[in-house]
């Protein structure tokens, strides 16, 4: 199991600490806790999370305008 700390996640994937914590609250990622309570993340989980974030479809925008004379 290859685990990395937040600083390495930021360096490798450019994901903020707040984003990681929010994704943890949403249940999308589960950190490994070390004895002092610090979080470590599995590389596989981070890469899976990145795939999920990239797959979100962009919303379509529809514009309707009516001009009356």
PDB file of N, CA and C in Angstrom:
ATOM      1  N   UNK A   1       0.858  -1.180   0.000  1.00  0.00           N
ATOM      2  CA  UNK A   1       0.000   0.000   0.000  1.00  0.00           C
ATOM      3  C   UNK A   1       0.898   1.235   0.000  1.00  0.00           C
ATOM      4  N   UNK A   2       0.706   2.075  -0.974  1.00  0.00           N
ATOM      5  CA  UNK A   2       1.518   3.276  -1.134  1.00  0.00           C
ATOM      6  C   UNK A   2       0.727   4.477  -0.617  1.00  0.00           C
ATOM      7  N   UNK A   3       1.107   4.984   0.568  1.00  0.00           N
ATOM      8  CA  UNK A   3       0.397   6.120   1.150  1.00  0.00           C
ATOM      9  C   UNK A   3       1.289   7.355   1.148  1.00  0.00           C
ATOM     10  N   UNK A   4       0.651   8.510   0.969  1.00  0.00           N
ATOM     11  CA  UNK A   4       1.386   9.775   0.915  1.00  0.00           C
ATOM     12  C   UNK A   4       0.686  10.805   1.793  1.00  0.00           C
ATOM     13  N   UNK A   5       1.445  11.767   2.256  1.00  0.00           N
ATOM     14  CA  UNK A   5       0.873  12.812   3.103  1.00  0.00           C
ATOM     15  C   UNK A   5       0.296  13.936   2.240  1.00  0.00           C
ATOM     16  N   UNK A   6      -0.337  14.895   2.921  1.00  0.00           N
ATOM     17  CA  UNK A   6      -0.998  15.988   2.209  1.00  0.00           C
ATOM     18  C   UNK A   6      -0.038  16.773   1.327  1.00  0.00           C
ATOM     19  N   UNK A   7       1.151  17.071   1.840  1.00  0.00           N
ATOM     20  CA  UNK A   7       2.100  17.878   1.070  1.00  0.00           C
ATOM     21  C   UNK A   7       2.469  17.203  -0.242  1.00  0.00           C
ATOM     22  N   UNK A   8       2.627  15.889  -0.202  1.00  0.00           N
ATOM     23  CA  UNK A   8       2.966  15.147  -1.415  1.00  0.00           C
ATOM     24  C   UNK A   8       1.769  15.123  -2.372  1.00  0.00           C
ATOM     25  N   UNK A   9       0.557  15.018  -1.822  1.00  0.00           N
ATOM     26  CA  UNK A   9      -0.653  15.066  -2.657  1.00  0.00           C
ATOM     27  C   UNK A   9      -0.717  16.408  -3.373  1.00  0.00           C
ATOM     28  N   UNK A  10      -0.470  17.482  -2.634  1.00  0.00           N
ATOM     29  CA  UNK A  10      -0.488  18.833  -3.207  1.00  0.00           C
ATOM     30  C   UNK A  10       0.559  18.959  -4.305  1.00  0.00           C
ATOM     31  N   UNK A  11       1.752  18.437  -4.041  1.00  0.00           N
ATOM     32  CA  UNK A  11       2.854  18.529  -4.999  1.00  0.00           C
ATOM     33  C   UNK A  11       2.577  17.725  -6.270  1.00  0.00           C
ATOM     34  N   UNK A  12       2.072  16.503  -6.103  1.00  0.00           N
ATOM     35  CA  UNK A  12       1.866  15.620  -7.250  1.00  0.00           C
ATOM     36  C   UNK A  12       0.593  15.913  -8.034  1.00  0.00           C
ATOM     37  N   UNK A  13      -0.493  16.227  -7.311  1.00  0.00           N
ATOM     38  CA  UNK A  13      -1.797  16.315  -7.959  1.00  0.00           C
ATOM     39  C   UNK A  13      -2.450  17.687  -7.887  1.00  0.00           C
ATOM     40  N   UNK A  14      -1.862  18.605  -7.150  1.00  0.00           N
ATOM     41  CA  UNK A  14      -2.383  19.964  -7.001  1.00  0.00           C
ATOM     42  C   UNK A  14      -3.822  19.964  -6.461  1.00  0.00           C
ATOM     43  N   UNK A  15      -4.030  19.186  -5.398  1.00  0.00           N
ATOM     44  CA  UNK A  15      -5.323  19.140  -4.720  1.00  0.00           C
ATOM     45  C   UNK A  15      -5.138  19.778  -3.354  1.00  0.00           C
ATOM     46  N   UNK A  16      -6.007  20.706  -2.996  1.00  0.00           N
ATOM     47  CA  UNK A  16      -5.863  21.401  -1.715  1.00  0.00           C
ATOM     48  C   UNK A  16      -6.293  20.512  -0.550  1.00  0.00           C
ATOM     49  N   UNK A  17      -5.826  20.872   0.623  1.00  0.00           N
ATOM     50  CA  UNK A  17      -6.154  20.139   1.850  1.00  0.00           C
ATOM     51  C   UNK A  17      -7.657  20.197   2.120  1.00  0.00           C
ATOM     52  N   UNK A  18      -8.241  21.361   1.906  1.00  0.00           N
ATOM     53  CA  UNK A  18      -9.683  21.533   2.126  1.00  0.00           C
ATOM     54  C   UNK A  18     -10.481  20.619   1.193  1.00  0.00           C
ATOM     55  N   UNK A  19     -10.050  20.508  -0.053  1.00  0.00           N
ATOM     56  CA  UNK A  19     -10.729  19.625  -1.004  1.00  0.00           C
ATOM     57  C   UNK A  19     -10.670  18.184  -0.519  1.00  0.00           C
ATOM     58  N   UNK A  20      -9.508  17.759  -0.031  1.00  0.00           N
ATOM     59  CA  UNK A  20      -9.377  16.393   0.475  1.00  0.00           C
ATOM     60  C   UNK A  20     -10.308  16.154   1.663  1.00  0.00           C
ATOM     61  N   UNK A  21     -10.354  17.106   2.572  1.00  0.00           N
ATOM     62  CA  UNK A  21     -11.211  16.958   3.750  1.00  0.00           C
ATOM     63  C   UNK A  21     -12.690  16.951   3.347  1.00  0.00           C
ATOM     64  N   UNK A  22     -13.065  17.814   2.403  1.00  0.00           N
ATOM     65  CA  UNK A  22     -14.459  17.833   1.930  1.00  0.00           C
ATOM     66  C   UNK A  22     -14.828  16.518   1.256  1.00  0.00           C
ATOM     67  N   UNK A  23     -13.925  15.975   0.456  1.00  0.00           N
ATOM     68  CA  UNK A  23     -14.200  14.697  -0.211  1.00  0.00           C
ATOM     69  C   UNK A  23     -14.283  13.568   0.805  1.00  0.00           C
ATOM     70  N   UNK A  24     -13.524  13.694   1.894  1.00  0.00           N
ATOM     71  CA  UNK A  24     -13.608  12.717   2.977  1.00  0.00           C
ATOM     72  C   UNK A  24     -14.986  12.789   3.636  1.00  0.00           C
ATOM     73  N   UNK A  25     -15.488  13.999   3.882  1.00  0.00           N
ATOM     74  CA  UNK A  25     -16.809  14.175   4.490  1.00  0.00           C
ATOM     75  C   UNK A  25     -17.914  13.639   3.586  1.00  0.00           C
ATOM     76  N   UNK A  26     -17.706  13.756   2.271  1.00  0.00           N
ATOM     77  CA  UNK A  26     -18.690  13.263   1.303  1.00  0.00           C
ATOM     78  C   UNK A  26     -18.611  11.751   1.135  1.00  0.00           C
ATOM     79  N   UNK A  27     -17.584  11.132   1.710  1.00  0.00           N
ATOM     80  CA  UNK A  27     -17.422   9.689   1.613  1.00  0.00           C
ATOM     81  C   UNK A  27     -16.749   9.228   0.339  1.00  0.00           C
ATOM     82  N   UNK A  28     -16.127  10.139  -0.391  1.00  0.00           N
ATOM     83  CA  UNK A  28     -15.482   9.780  -1.650  1.00  0.00           C
ATOM     84  C   UNK A  28     -14.061   9.267  -1.463  1.00  0.00           C
ATOM     85  N   UNK A  29     -13.461   9.556  -0.317  1.00  0.00           N
ATOM     86  CA  UNK A  29     -12.099   9.118  -0.047  1.00  0.00           C
ATOM     87  C   UNK A  29     -11.977   8.842   1.449  1.00  0.00           C
ATOM     88  N   UNK A  30     -11.208   7.825   1.789  1.00  0.00           N
ATOM     89  CA  UNK A  30     -10.996   7.482   3.192  1.00  0.00           C
ATOM     90  C   UNK A  30      -9.505   7.517   3.485  1.00  0.00           C
ATOM     91  N   UNK A  31      -9.061   8.451   4.313  1.00  0.00           N
ATOM     92  CA  UNK A  31      -7.638   8.517   4.623  1.00  0.00           C
ATOM     93  C   UNK A  31      -7.226   7.417   5.601  1.00  0.00           C
ATOM     94  N   UNK A  32      -5.951   7.090   5.562  1.00  0.00           N
ATOM     95  CA  UNK A  32      -5.370   6.170   6.533  1.00  0.00           C
ATOM     96  C   UNK A  32      -4.866   7.041   7.671  1.00  0.00           C
ATOM     97  N   UNK A  33      -5.229   6.715   8.891  1.00  0.00           N
ATOM     98  CA  UNK A  33      -4.798   7.510  10.043  1.00  0.00           C
ATOM     99  C   UNK A  33      -3.575   6.860  10.674  1.00  0.00           C
ATOM    100  N   UNK A  34      -2.556   7.671  10.944  1.00  0.00           N
ATOM    101  CA  UNK A  34      -1.376   7.181  11.644  1.00  0.00           C
ATOM    102  C   UNK A  34      -1.580   7.432  13.138  1.00  0.00           C
ATOM    103  N   UNK A  35      -0.755   6.848  14.009  1.00  0.00           N
ATOM    104  CA  UNK A  35      -0.988   6.944  15.454  1.00  0.00           C
ATOM    105  C   UNK A  35      -1.238   8.352  16.006  1.00  0.00           C
ATOM    106  N   UNK A  36      -0.632   9.364  15.470  1.00  0.00           N
ATOM    107  CA  UNK A  36      -0.847  10.720  15.987  1.00  0.00           C
ATOM    108  C   UNK A  36      -2.114  11.364  15.427  1.00  0.00           C
ATOM    109  N   UNK A  37      -2.896  10.618  14.661  1.00  0.00           N
ATOM    110  CA  UNK A  37      -4.151  11.128  14.125  1.00  0.00           C
ATOM    111  C   UNK A  37      -4.012  11.842  12.796  1.00  0.00           C
ATOM    112  N   UNK A  38      -2.811  11.875  12.248  1.00  0.00           N
ATOM    113  CA  UNK A  38      -2.609  12.550  10.964  1.00  0.00           C
ATOM    114  C   UNK A  38      -3.116  11.679   9.827  1.00  0.00           C
ATOM    115  N   UNK A  39      -3.488  12.339   8.741  1.00  0.00           N
ATOM    116  CA  UNK A  39      -4.039  11.641   7.587  1.00  0.00           C
ATOM    117  C   UNK A  39      -2.941  11.296   6.583  1.00  0.00           C
ATOM    118  N   UNK A  40      -3.076  10.126   6.004  1.00  0.00           N
ATOM    119  CA  UNK A  40      -2.263   9.715   4.868  1.00  0.00           C
ATOM    120  C   UNK A  40      -3.241   9.198   3.824  1.00  0.00           C
ATOM    121  N   UNK A  41      -2.910   9.394   2.564  1.00  0.00           N
ATOM    122  CA  UNK A  41      -3.829   9.032   1.488  1.00  0.00           C
ATOM    123  C   UNK A  41      -3.198   7.993   0.578  1.00  0.00           C
ATOM    124  N   UNK A  42      -4.000   7.042   0.137  1.00  0.00           N
ATOM    125  CA  UNK A  42      -3.531   6.036  -0.813  1.00  0.00           C
ATOM    126  C   UNK A  42      -3.472   6.682  -2.187  1.00  0.00           C
ATOM    127  N   UNK A  43      -2.370   6.444  -2.892  1.00  0.00           N
ATOM    128  CA  UNK A  43      -2.224   7.016  -4.238  1.00  0.00           C
ATOM    129  C   UNK A  43      -3.367   6.567  -5.148  1.00  0.00           C
ATOM    130  N   UNK A  44      -3.760   5.310  -5.016  1.00  0.00           N
ATOM    131  CA  UNK A  44      -4.834   4.779  -5.859  1.00  0.00           C
ATOM    132  C   UNK A  44      -6.144   5.529  -5.612  1.00  0.00           C
ATOM    133  N   UNK A  45      -6.414   5.845  -4.342  1.00  0.00           N
ATOM    134  CA  UNK A  45      -7.641   6.576  -4.007  1.00  0.00           C
ATOM    135  C   UNK A  45      -7.625   7.988  -4.589  1.00  0.00           C
ATOM    136  N   UNK A  46      -6.468   8.644  -4.533  1.00  0.00           N
ATOM    137  CA  UNK A  46      -6.345  10.002  -5.080  1.00  0.00           C
ATOM    138  C   UNK A  46      -6.557   9.976  -6.590  1.00  0.00           C
ATOM    139  N   UNK A  47      -5.942   9.005  -7.265  1.00  0.00           N
ATOM    140  CA  UNK A  47      -6.088   8.917  -8.719  1.00  0.00           C
ATOM    141  C   UNK A  47      -7.528   8.586  -9.105  1.00  0.00           C
ATOM    142  N   UNK A  48      -8.183   7.755  -8.315  1.00  0.00           N
ATOM    143  CA  UNK A  48      -9.595   7.441  -8.561  1.00  0.00           C
ATOM    144  C   UNK A  48     -10.451   8.693  -8.364  1.00  0.00           C
ATOM    145  N   UNK A  49     -10.151   9.455  -7.317  1.00  0.00           N
ATOM    146  CA  UNK A  49     -10.866  10.705  -7.053  1.00  0.00           C
ATOM    147  C   UNK A  49     -10.678  11.685  -8.204  1.00  0.00           C
ATOM    148  N   UNK A  50      -9.469  11.791  -8.711  1.00  0.00           N
ATOM    149  CA  UNK A  50      -9.210  12.689  -9.841  1.00  0.00           C
ATOM    150  C   UNK A  50     -10.022  12.276 -11.056  1.00  0.00           C
ATOM    151  N   UNK A  51     -10.122  10.993 -11.292  1.00  0.00           N
ATOM    152  CA  UNK A  51     -10.928  10.499 -12.404  1.00  0.00           C
ATOM    153  C   UNK A  51     -12.383  10.872 -12.238  1.00  0.00           C
ATOM    154  N   UNK A  52     -12.896  10.796 -11.017  1.00  0.00           N
ATOM    155  CA  UNK A  52     -14.291  11.158 -10.746  1.00  0.00           C
ATOM    156  C   UNK A  52     -14.500  12.652 -10.947  1.00  0.00           C
ATOM    157  N   UNK A  53     -13.534  13.451 -10.533  1.00  0.00           N
ATOM    158  CA  UNK A  53     -13.675  14.895 -10.671  1.00  0.00           C
ATOM    159  C   UNK A  53     -13.646  15.312 -12.134  1.00  0.00           C
ATOM    160  N   UNK A  54     -12.842  14.626 -12.944  1.00  0.00           N
ATOM    161  CA  UNK A  54     -12.719  14.990 -14.356  1.00  0.00           C
ATOM    162  C   UNK A  54     -13.911  14.525 -15.180  1.00  0.00           C
ATOM    163  N   UNK A  55     -14.620  13.500 -14.730  1.00  0.00           N
ATOM    164  CA  UNK A  55     -15.718  12.943 -15.509  1.00  0.00           C
ATOM    165  C   UNK A  55     -17.024  13.711 -15.374  1.00  0.00           C
ATOM    166  N   UNK A  56     -17.073  14.707 -14.528  1.00  0.00           N
ATOM    167  CA  UNK A  56     -18.314  15.462 -14.356  1.00  0.00           C
ATOM    168  C   UNK A  56     -18.671  16.177 -15.659  1.00  0.00           C
ATOM    169  N   UNK A  57     -19.877  15.959 -16.162  1.00  0.00           N
ATOM    170  CA  UNK A  57     -20.268  16.650 -17.390  1.00  0.00           C
ATOM    171  C   UNK A  57     -20.513  18.132 -17.121  1.00  0.00           C
ATOM    172  N   UNK A  58     -20.144  18.921 -18.082  1.00  0.00           N
ATOM    173  CA  UNK A  58     -20.372  20.359 -17.951  1.00  0.00           C
ATOM    174  C   UNK A  58     -21.845  20.645 -18.233  1.00  0.00           C
ATOM    175  N   UNK A  59     -22.447  21.520 -17.459  1.00  0.00           N
ATOM    176  CA  UNK A  59     -23.863  21.819 -17.686  1.00  0.00           C
ATOM    177  C   UNK A  59     -24.065  22.545 -19.012  1.00  0.00           C
ATOM    178  N   UNK A  60     -25.173  22.222 -19.652  1.00  0.00           N
ATOM    179  CA  UNK A  60     -25.501  22.897 -20.903  1.00  0.00           C
ATOM    180  C   UNK A  60     -26.227  24.194 -20.582  1.00  0.00           C
ATOM    181  N   UNK A  61     -25.948  25.199 -21.363  1.00  0.00           N
ATOM    182  CA  UNK A  61     -26.578  26.499 -21.167  1.00  0.00           C
ATOM    183  C   UNK A  61     -27.509  26.744 -22.343  1.00  0.00           C
ATOM    184  N   UNK A  62     -28.744  27.063 -22.027  1.00  0.00           N
ATOM    185  CA  UNK A  62     -29.726  27.372 -23.058  1.00  0.00           C
ATOM    186  C   UNK A  62     -30.163  28.813 -22.846  1.00  0.00           C
ATOM    187  N   UNK A  63     -30.148  29.567 -23.918  1.00  0.00           N
ATOM    188  CA  UNK A  63     -30.521  30.973 -23.829  1.00  0.00           C
ATOM    189  C   UNK A  63     -31.698  31.219 -24.763  1.00  0.00           C
ATOM    190  N   UNK A  64     -32.719  31.835 -24.230  1.00  0.00           N
ATOM    191  CA  UNK A  64     -33.889  32.176 -25.022  1.00  0.00           C
ATOM    192  C   UNK A  64     -34.136  33.666 -24.855  1.00  0.00           C
ATOM    193  N   UNK A  65     -34.263  34.326 -25.961  1.00  0.00           N
ATOM    194  CA  UNK A  65     -34.544  35.763 -25.910  1.00  0.00           C
ATOM    195  C   UNK A  65     -35.691  36.061 -26.873  1.00  0.00           C
ATOM    196  N   UNK A  66     -36.633  36.829 -26.406  1.00  0.00           N
ATOM    197  CA  UNK A  66     -37.759  37.213 -27.248  1.00  0.00           C
ATOM    198  C   UNK A  66     -37.783  38.729 -27.324  1.00  0.00           C
ATOM    199  N   UNK A  67     -37.855  39.183 -28.523  1.00  0.00           N
ATOM    200  CA  UNK A  67     -37.894  40.627 -28.739  1.00  0.00           C
ATOM    201  C   UNK A  67     -39.258  40.962 -29.324  1.00  0.00           C
ATOM    202  N   UNK A  68     -39.967  41.856 -28.684  1.00  0.00           N
ATOM    203  CA  UNK A  68     -41.262  42.274 -29.227  1.00  0.00           C
ATOM    204  C   UNK A  68     -41.135  43.708 -29.739  1.00  0.00           C
ATOM    205  N   UNK A  69     -41.866  43.975 -30.792  1.00  0.00           N
ATOM    206  CA  UNK A  69     -41.796  45.327 -31.376  1.00  0.00           C
ATOM    207  C   UNK A  69     -43.061  46.096 -31.147  1.00  0.00           C
TER     208      UNK A  69
END
